[in-house]
Amino acid sequence: MTIQDAVIICVMGVPMLLFSVFPGLKLADFLEEKYNMQEKQKRIVAITTTVLFTITLSSLLHYI
């Protein structure tokens, strides 16, 4: 992977954030109900899931 590939993946990730927020929020809500998580932990899970899902989608679109 070159620097150009990384830049393209990051640029493609910006619009993917729109599609990635919903799964992140749903997972955070599910984990909050199941494990009685605090609000701070719920936010961390939502943000982490959103970023990972965004990078995954962008990488798949770039390499496929």
N, C-alpha and C. Protein backbone atom coordinates (compact mmCIF):
# COMPACT_ATOMS: atom_id res chain seq x y z
N MET A 1 0.85 -1.17 0.00
CA MET A 1 0.00 0.00 0.00
C MET A 1 0.90 1.24 0.00
N THR A 2 0.65 2.12 -0.93
CA THR A 2 1.43 3.34 -1.03
C THR A 2 0.73 4.47 -0.30
N ILE A 3 1.39 5.60 -0.24
CA ILE A 3 0.79 6.77 0.40
C ILE A 3 -0.41 7.25 -0.40
N GLN A 4 -0.35 7.12 -1.72
CA GLN A 4 -1.48 7.51 -2.55
C GLN A 4 -2.71 6.67 -2.25
N ASP A 5 -2.51 5.38 -2.05
CA ASP A 5 -3.63 4.51 -1.70
C ASP A 5 -4.24 4.93 -0.37
N ALA A 6 -3.41 5.24 0.61
CA ALA A 6 -3.90 5.66 1.92
C ALA A 6 -4.69 6.96 1.82
N VAL A 7 -4.20 7.89 1.02
CA VAL A 7 -4.91 9.17 0.84
C VAL A 7 -6.25 8.95 0.16
N ILE A 8 -6.28 8.11 -0.85
CA ILE A 8 -7.53 7.83 -1.55
C ILE A 8 -8.53 7.17 -0.61
N ILE A 9 -8.06 6.23 0.21
CA ILE A 9 -8.95 5.56 1.17
C ILE A 9 -9.50 6.56 2.18
N CYS A 10 -8.66 7.47 2.65
CA CYS A 10 -9.14 8.48 3.61
C CYS A 10 -10.14 9.43 2.97
N VAL A 11 -9.88 9.83 1.73
CA VAL A 11 -10.80 10.73 1.03
C VAL A 11 -12.13 10.03 0.78
N MET A 12 -12.08 8.77 0.40
CA MET A 12 -13.32 8.02 0.18
C MET A 12 -14.03 7.76 1.50
N GLY A 13 -13.30 7.79 2.61
CA GLY A 13 -13.89 7.55 3.92
C GLY A 13 -14.81 8.66 4.39
N VAL A 14 -14.59 9.87 3.89
CA VAL A 14 -15.43 11.00 4.33
C VAL A 14 -16.90 10.76 4.00
N PRO A 15 -17.26 10.42 2.76
CA PRO A 15 -18.68 10.14 2.50
C PRO A 15 -19.16 8.83 3.16
N MET A 16 -18.23 7.90 3.39
CA MET A 16 -18.61 6.64 4.03
C MET A 16 -19.03 6.85 5.48
N LEU A 17 -18.62 7.95 6.08
CA LEU A 17 -19.04 8.24 7.46
C LEU A 17 -20.56 8.31 7.56
N LEU A 18 -21.21 8.79 6.50
CA LEU A 18 -22.67 8.86 6.51
C LEU A 18 -23.31 7.48 6.65
N PHE A 19 -22.70 6.49 6.02
CA PHE A 19 -23.24 5.14 6.06
C PHE A 19 -22.78 4.37 7.28
N SER A 20 -21.73 4.82 7.94
CA SER A 20 -21.15 4.08 9.04
C SER A 20 -21.66 4.48 10.41
N VAL A 21 -22.32 5.60 10.51
CA VAL A 21 -22.78 6.07 11.82
C VAL A 21 -23.87 5.17 12.37
N PHE A 22 -24.80 4.74 11.54
CA PHE A 22 -25.92 3.92 12.01
C PHE A 22 -25.46 2.61 12.64
N PRO A 23 -24.59 1.81 11.99
CA PRO A 23 -24.14 0.57 12.65
C PRO A 23 -23.40 0.83 13.96
N GLY A 24 -22.63 1.92 14.02
CA GLY A 24 -21.92 2.25 15.25
C GLY A 24 -22.87 2.56 16.39
N LEU A 25 -23.91 3.33 16.10
CA LEU A 25 -24.89 3.67 17.12
C LEU A 25 -25.69 2.44 17.57
N LYS A 26 -26.06 1.61 16.62
CA LYS A 26 -26.82 0.40 16.96
C LYS A 26 -25.99 -0.54 17.84
N LEU A 27 -24.72 -0.72 17.51
CA LEU A 27 -23.86 -1.59 18.31
C LEU A 27 -23.68 -1.01 19.71
N ALA A 28 -23.50 0.30 19.81
CA ALA A 28 -23.34 0.94 21.12
C ALA A 28 -24.61 0.79 21.96
N ASP A 29 -25.77 0.96 21.34
CA ASP A 29 -27.03 0.78 22.07
C ASP A 29 -27.19 -0.66 22.55
N PHE A 30 -26.86 -1.61 21.69
CA PHE A 30 -26.97 -3.01 22.05
C PHE A 30 -26.06 -3.35 23.23
N LEU A 31 -24.81 -2.90 23.15
CA LEU A 31 -23.87 -3.19 24.23
C LEU A 31 -24.24 -2.48 25.52
N GLU A 32 -24.83 -1.30 25.42
CA GLU A 32 -25.26 -0.58 26.62
C GLU A 32 -26.36 -1.36 27.34
N GLU A 33 -27.32 -1.87 26.58
CA GLU A 33 -28.41 -2.64 27.19
C GLU A 33 -27.91 -3.96 27.77
N LYS A 34 -27.01 -4.63 27.05
CA LYS A 34 -26.57 -5.95 27.47
C LYS A 34 -25.61 -5.90 28.65
N TYR A 35 -24.70 -4.93 28.67
CA TYR A 35 -23.65 -4.90 29.68
C TYR A 35 -23.73 -3.71 30.64
N ASN A 36 -24.80 -2.93 30.60
CA ASN A 36 -24.96 -1.75 31.47
C ASN A 36 -23.74 -0.84 31.40
N MET A 37 -23.37 -0.45 30.21
CA MET A 37 -22.21 0.41 30.01
C MET A 37 -22.54 1.84 30.39
N GLN A 38 -21.51 2.60 30.74
CA GLN A 38 -21.68 4.02 31.01
C GLN A 38 -21.71 4.78 29.69
N GLU A 39 -22.14 6.03 29.76
CA GLU A 39 -22.28 6.85 28.55
C GLU A 39 -20.93 7.06 27.85
N LYS A 40 -19.89 7.25 28.63
CA LYS A 40 -18.56 7.47 28.04
C LYS A 40 -18.12 6.24 27.25
N GLN A 41 -18.32 5.05 27.81
CA GLN A 41 -17.96 3.81 27.12
C GLN A 41 -18.81 3.62 25.87
N LYS A 42 -20.07 4.01 25.95
CA LYS A 42 -20.97 3.89 24.80
C LYS A 42 -20.48 4.78 23.66
N ARG A 43 -20.05 5.99 23.98
CA ARG A 43 -19.53 6.90 22.95
C ARG A 43 -18.25 6.36 22.32
N ILE A 44 -17.38 5.80 23.14
CA ILE A 44 -16.13 5.24 22.63
C ILE A 44 -16.42 4.10 21.66
N VAL A 45 -17.36 3.22 22.02
CA VAL A 45 -17.72 2.11 21.14
C VAL A 45 -18.32 2.63 19.84
N ALA A 46 -19.20 3.62 19.91
CA ALA A 46 -19.83 4.16 18.71
C ALA A 46 -18.80 4.79 17.78
N ILE A 47 -17.90 5.57 18.32
CA ILE A 47 -16.90 6.25 17.49
C ILE A 47 -15.92 5.24 16.89
N THR A 48 -15.47 4.29 17.70
CA THR A 48 -14.52 3.28 17.21
C THR A 48 -15.15 2.43 16.11
N THR A 49 -16.37 1.99 16.33
CA THR A 49 -17.06 1.18 15.33
C THR A 49 -17.26 1.96 14.05
N THR A 50 -17.63 3.23 14.16
CA THR A 50 -17.84 4.06 12.98
C THR A 50 -16.56 4.22 12.18
N VAL A 51 -15.46 4.50 12.85
CA VAL A 51 -14.19 4.70 12.15
C VAL A 51 -13.72 3.40 11.50
N LEU A 52 -13.79 2.29 12.23
CA LEU A 52 -13.35 1.01 11.66
C LEU A 52 -14.22 0.59 10.48
N PHE A 53 -15.53 0.79 10.60
CA PHE A 53 -16.44 0.44 9.51
C PHE A 53 -16.18 1.32 8.29
N THR A 54 -15.89 2.59 8.52
CA THR A 54 -15.60 3.51 7.43
C THR A 54 -14.33 3.10 6.69
N ILE A 55 -13.28 2.81 7.44
CA ILE A 55 -12.02 2.41 6.80
C ILE A 55 -12.19 1.09 6.06
N THR A 56 -12.95 0.17 6.64
CA THR A 56 -13.19 -1.11 5.97
C THR A 56 -13.94 -0.93 4.66
N LEU A 57 -15.01 -0.14 4.69
CA LEU A 57 -15.78 0.10 3.46
C LEU A 57 -14.93 0.79 2.39
N SER A 58 -14.19 1.79 2.80
CA SER A 58 -13.35 2.52 1.84
C SER A 58 -12.28 1.62 1.25
N SER A 59 -11.68 0.78 2.07
CA SER A 59 -10.65 -0.14 1.57
C SER A 59 -11.25 -1.15 0.59
N LEU A 60 -12.40 -1.68 0.93
CA LEU A 60 -13.05 -2.63 0.03
C LEU A 60 -13.41 -1.99 -1.30
N LEU A 61 -13.92 -0.78 -1.27
CA LEU A 61 -14.27 -0.10 -2.51
C LEU A 61 -13.03 0.24 -3.34
N HIS A 62 -11.95 0.55 -2.68
CA HIS A 62 -10.74 0.92 -3.40
C HIS A 62 -10.07 -0.30 -4.05
N TYR A 63 -10.05 -1.41 -3.35
CA TYR A 63 -9.31 -2.58 -3.84
C TYR A 63 -10.15 -3.55 -4.65
N ILE A 64 -11.43 -3.41 -4.64
CA ILE A 64 -12.27 -4.35 -5.43
C ILE A 64 -12.62 -3.75 -6.75
